[in-house]
Amino acid sequence: MSHQVVLRPQNIVFSVQQGQTVLEAALNQNIVFPHRCQVGACAACLCRIESGQVSYQLEPLLTEKEKEQGWMFSCLAYAESDLVITFSDE
């Protein structure tokens, strides 16, 4: 099973396969996506979910406020539905 991800505002669309993180999927499809460590330590891949759901095998270090605002670590996030994400904090 796969889910579709839309990266806004560029409206870049890519798919994420089951068992693949959002970051892995983007990089495997040659999508430019900020990252460094790929283990949730550097926060370079931090982005905000506008719609959709993700799950984590290892819960990232996000504050309750960040979780409420929809922030996610794409290197640790597994898509549980289609997603719309952005790097903007607006």
Protein backbone atom coordinates (compact mmCIF):
# COMPACT_ATOMS: atom_id res chain seq x y z
CA MET A 1 0.00 0.00 0.00
CA SER A 2 1.22 3.50 -0.75
CA HIS A 3 0.12 7.00 0.13
CA GLN A 4 0.46 10.23 -1.83
CA VAL A 5 2.32 13.20 -0.39
CA VAL A 6 1.96 16.75 -1.67
CA LEU A 7 4.79 19.11 -0.73
CA ARG A 8 3.53 22.68 -0.69
CA PRO A 9 3.83 25.42 -1.86
CA GLN A 10 5.64 23.82 -4.83
CA ASN A 11 2.89 21.17 -5.17
CA ILE A 12 5.46 18.42 -5.66
CA VAL A 13 3.73 15.05 -5.48
CA PHE A 14 5.40 11.77 -4.51
CA SER A 15 4.35 8.43 -3.12
CA VAL A 16 5.38 6.72 0.11
CA GLN A 17 5.35 2.93 0.30
CA GLN A 18 4.43 1.07 3.47
CA GLY A 19 7.50 0.69 5.71
CA GLN A 20 9.21 3.72 4.17
CA THR A 21 9.66 7.07 5.91
CA VAL A 22 8.49 10.25 4.22
CA LEU A 23 12.11 11.37 3.85
CA GLU A 24 13.24 8.03 2.36
CA ALA A 25 10.43 8.20 -0.19
CA ALA A 26 11.28 11.77 -1.21
CA LEU A 27 14.99 11.05 -1.58
CA ASN A 28 14.36 7.81 -3.51
CA GLN A 29 12.30 9.82 -5.99
CA ASN A 30 15.02 12.49 -6.37
CA ILE A 31 13.00 15.16 -4.58
CA VAL A 32 15.07 17.87 -2.92
CA PHE A 33 14.23 17.58 0.76
CA PRO A 34 16.26 19.15 3.59
CA HIS A 35 18.00 16.57 5.76
CA ARG A 36 21.28 15.77 7.49
CA CYS A 37 21.35 13.04 10.11
CA GLN A 38 18.26 10.99 9.11
CA VAL A 39 17.73 9.85 12.73
CA GLY A 40 15.71 12.74 14.20
CA ALA A 41 18.57 14.53 15.94
CA CYS A 42 19.29 17.53 13.71
CA ALA A 43 15.72 18.75 12.92
CA ALA A 44 16.75 19.64 9.33
CA CYS A 45 13.85 17.59 7.93
CA LEU A 46 11.24 19.12 10.25
CA CYS A 47 8.09 19.97 8.33
CA ARG A 48 4.43 20.64 9.13
CA ILE A 49 1.47 18.44 8.29
CA GLU A 50 -1.37 20.42 6.74
CA SER A 51 -3.51 17.30 6.37
CA GLY A 52 -3.12 13.58 6.94
CA GLN A 53 -1.70 11.31 9.61
CA VAL A 54 1.71 9.83 10.35
CA SER A 55 3.02 7.31 12.85
CA TYR A 56 6.45 6.75 14.36
CA GLN A 57 8.34 3.64 15.47
CA LEU A 58 10.49 5.91 17.66
CA GLU A 59 8.62 8.96 18.98
CA PRO A 60 10.46 12.17 18.00
CA LEU A 61 11.41 14.89 20.47
CA LEU A 62 8.59 17.33 19.80
CA THR A 63 6.95 19.54 22.39
CA GLU A 64 3.20 19.26 22.90
CA LYS A 65 2.79 22.64 21.20
CA GLU A 66 4.81 21.46 18.17
CA LYS A 67 2.67 18.32 17.95
CA GLU A 68 -0.51 20.40 18.12
CA GLN A 69 0.82 22.62 15.33
CA GLY A 70 1.40 19.53 13.15
CA TRP A 71 5.20 19.47 13.06
CA MET A 72 6.84 16.16 12.14
CA PHE A 73 10.29 14.72 11.59
CA SER A 74 10.06 13.35 8.05
CA CYS A 75 13.04 11.05 8.67
CA LEU A 76 11.06 9.20 11.35
CA ALA A 77 7.49 9.59 10.03
CA TYR A 78 5.53 6.82 8.30
CA ALA A 79 2.51 7.95 6.29
CA GLU A 80 -0.76 6.48 7.57
CA SER A 81 -2.83 8.38 4.98
CA ASP A 82 -2.31 10.74 2.08
CA LEU A 83 -0.43 13.82 3.32
CA VAL A 84 -0.10 17.49 2.52
CA ILE A 85 3.07 18.90 4.09
CA THR A 86 5.01 22.15 4.07
CA PHE A 87 8.23 23.57 5.45
CA SER A 88 6.46 26.84 6.21
CA ASP A 89 5.45 27.66 9.76
CA GLU A 90 2.44 29.71 8.65
